[in-house]
Amino acid sequence: VQLVESGGGLVEPGGSLTLSCEVSGFTLDYLHIGWFRQAPGKGREGVASINKSGGVTNYADSVKDRFIISRDNAKNTVLLQMNSLKIEDTGVYYCLAVRYGYAGLRTAVESQAKWSGDSGSWGQGTQVTVSP
């Protein structure tokens, strides 16, 4: 599985960005997807996840009501729409594809913790900088 993130950039506080995670090498229909971020000097933490059908989404409390995760399996793409951005949202954003075990992904996101699973595929990340 290969994942490529895009859409990052520099934005002022209160602004919006939409990140894209394009999946190839495997059918997206069979993959659960999570978005993680890593701020400077900190570990990689979960922020949002979506199960393979798209019927279940989960968010970290810090981004709830501001971020929206969605997927288009026909386009092999998962989006993360980020609104009302804050300085503390700054970091490198990564998408993670997991074939089994959505519960573990949900736990990492809702706990805003690192991924502890023993499998999964990561993208290379895209930088998001929120600054006045």
Foldseek 3Di string as FASTA:
>chain_A
DAWAKDWADEAAQQAKIKMKIADDPDQLLQKKKWKWWDDPPGDIATAKIAGSVRPDIAGAPVQPPFWDWGDDRVRRMIMIIGGSDDQVVWGWMKMKIDRDDVVQVRVRGNVRHDRPDPDIDMYPTDGHGYHD
